[in-house]
Protein backbone atom coordinates (compact mmCIF):
# COMPACT_ATOMS: atom_id res chain seq x y z
CA MET A 1 -3.53 2.21 6.66
CA VAL A 2 -3.32 0.12 3.47
CA THR A 3 -5.06 1.10 0.24
CA ILE A 4 -5.54 -1.30 -2.63
CA LEU A 5 -4.58 0.88 -5.63
CA ARG A 6 -4.95 -1.76 -8.29
CA PRO A 7 -6.62 -5.04 -7.35
CA ALA A 8 -5.58 -8.27 -9.01
CA GLU A 9 -7.19 -8.64 -12.40
CA ASP A 10 -9.63 -11.38 -11.32
CA LEU A 11 -11.09 -9.23 -8.48
CA PHE A 12 -12.69 -6.60 -10.70
CA GLN A 13 -14.40 -7.20 -14.04
CA ASN A 14 -15.92 -4.39 -16.06
CA GLY A 15 -15.45 -2.08 -12.94
CA ALA A 16 -17.49 -4.17 -10.64
CA ALA A 17 -16.31 -6.23 -7.71
CA VAL A 18 -16.23 -10.02 -8.15
CA ASN A 19 -15.67 -12.43 -5.26
CA ALA A 20 -15.00 -9.40 -2.95
CA PRO A 21 -16.23 -8.82 0.54
CA GLU A 22 -19.59 -7.02 0.79
CA ASN A 23 -17.88 -3.74 1.88
CA GLN A 24 -15.43 -3.82 -1.06
CA THR A 25 -17.70 -2.83 -4.01
CA GLU A 26 -15.52 -0.17 -5.60
CA ARG A 27 -11.95 1.04 -5.81
CA PRO A 28 -9.88 2.13 -3.84
CA PHE A 29 -10.46 -0.13 -0.90
CA GLU A 30 -8.64 0.54 2.42
CA PHE A 31 -7.96 -1.68 5.47
CA ARG A 32 -5.94 -1.43 8.64
CA ALA A 33 -2.76 -3.53 9.01
CA ALA A 34 0.23 -3.74 11.34
CA ILE A 35 3.74 -3.99 10.18
CA VAL A 36 5.24 -7.36 11.33
CA SER A 37 8.66 -6.89 9.67
CA LEU A 38 10.48 -4.74 7.20
CA ASP A 39 13.50 -6.04 5.37
CA GLU A 40 13.47 -3.92 2.19
CA PRO A 41 12.37 -4.72 -0.41
CA VAL A 42 9.92 -7.05 1.55
CA MET A 43 7.37 -5.90 4.13
CA LYS A 44 5.19 -8.26 6.09
CA LEU A 45 1.84 -7.11 7.37
CA ARG A 46 -0.78 -8.55 9.74
CA ALA A 47 -4.37 -7.68 8.88
CA SER A 48 -7.93 -9.09 9.14
CA TYR A 49 -8.24 -8.76 5.29
CA GLU A 50 -6.72 -10.80 2.56
CA PRO A 51 -5.82 -8.80 -0.53
CA ALA A 52 -5.54 -10.83 -3.68
CA GLN A 53 -2.03 -11.78 -4.86
CA SER A 54 -0.55 -9.25 -7.26
CA SER A 55 -2.70 -6.38 -5.91
CA ALA A 56 -0.85 -3.04 -5.98
CA LEU A 57 -0.83 -1.57 -2.45
CA LYS A 58 -0.17 1.88 -0.83
CA ILE A 59 0.97 1.58 2.81
CA GLU A 60 0.93 4.71 4.84
CA THR A 61 2.99 5.03 8.05
CA PRO A 62 3.85 8.16 10.00
CA GLU A 63 7.46 8.06 8.58
CA ALA A 64 6.81 7.08 4.97
CA LEU A 65 4.50 6.06 2.15
CA TRP A 66 5.21 2.73 0.64
CA LEU A 67 4.14 1.33 -2.80
CA GLY A 68 4.30 -2.34 -3.46
CA GLU A 69 2.61 -5.48 -4.69
CA THR A 70 1.09 -8.41 -2.70
CA GLU A 71 3.21 -11.52 -3.18
CA HIS A 72 1.25 -13.93 -0.96
CA CYS A 73 -0.90 -14.19 2.09
CA VAL A 74 -1.02 -16.85 4.77
CA ARG A 75 -3.81 -17.41 7.22
CA SER A 76 -2.76 -17.03 10.93
CA GLY A 77 -5.76 -17.60 13.21
CA ASP A 78 -8.39 -15.06 12.37
CA GLU A 79 -5.87 -12.70 10.64
CA TRP A 80 -3.69 -12.82 7.52
CA LEU A 81 0.06 -12.45 7.19
CA ILE A 82 0.58 -10.48 3.95
CA GLN A 83 3.97 -10.36 2.18
CA VAL A 84 4.47 -7.21 0.05
CA ARG A 85 7.21 -6.70 -2.47
CA LEU A 86 8.07 -2.99 -2.13
CA LYS A 87 8.75 -0.95 -5.23
CA HIS A 88 8.93 2.71 -3.98
CA VAL A 89 9.04 4.64 -0.70
CA LEU A 90 8.35 8.28 -0.10
CA ARG A 91 10.20 9.77 2.75
CA ASP A 92 11.58 13.14 4.06
CA PHE A 93 8.31 15.02 3.45
CA GLU A 94 9.83 18.18 4.88
CA THR A 95 12.46 18.43 2.21
CA LEU A 96 9.96 18.14 -0.57
CA ALA A 97 7.80 20.79 1.04
CA ILE A 98 10.80 23.21 1.14
CA LEU A 99 11.53 22.46 -2.52
CA ALA A 100 7.97 22.90 -3.53
CA GLU A 101 7.84 26.33 -1.79
CA ARG A 102 11.11 27.30 -3.40
CA PHE A 103 9.89 26.43 -6.90
CA LYS A 104 6.36 27.69 -6.19
CA THR A 105 4.65 24.33 -6.89
CA ALA A 106 1.94 22.67 -4.83
CA ALA A 107 3.03 19.49 -3.05
CA PRO A 108 2.06 17.62 0.14
CA ALA A 109 4.13 18.50 3.10
CA LYS A 110 7.10 16.25 3.71
CA VAL A 111 7.73 14.10 0.58
CA SER A 112 10.82 12.74 -1.16
CA VAL A 113 11.15 9.78 -3.48
CA ARG A 114 13.55 6.83 -3.45
CA ALA A 115 13.17 3.73 -5.57
CA LEU A 116 13.67 0.33 -4.02
CA ARG A 117 15.53 -2.40 -5.92
């Protein structure tokens, strides 16, 4: 699942969607995508939706939560190939849950943080 956390500036003006699909009228917007390749810090996705260039994305997989920015999209038949420049990845959710319990803080199960360069 991909979530647009911050659309490109030209997609939203005064909090309203501009030049967006009918079902994308407010933030955040989610769409399904398949990972085509991952060569950190670049991830390539295939989706039926084209996010605007420079949109901040959250990509959720069973193993990790990825944060990045859309670099460009290319049409491929009736789908889009989306190149994302990754900035951060959250992994090892079990370790964070153990630390949260130890320090008595609330945290989602299974999270750790690593910055990508």
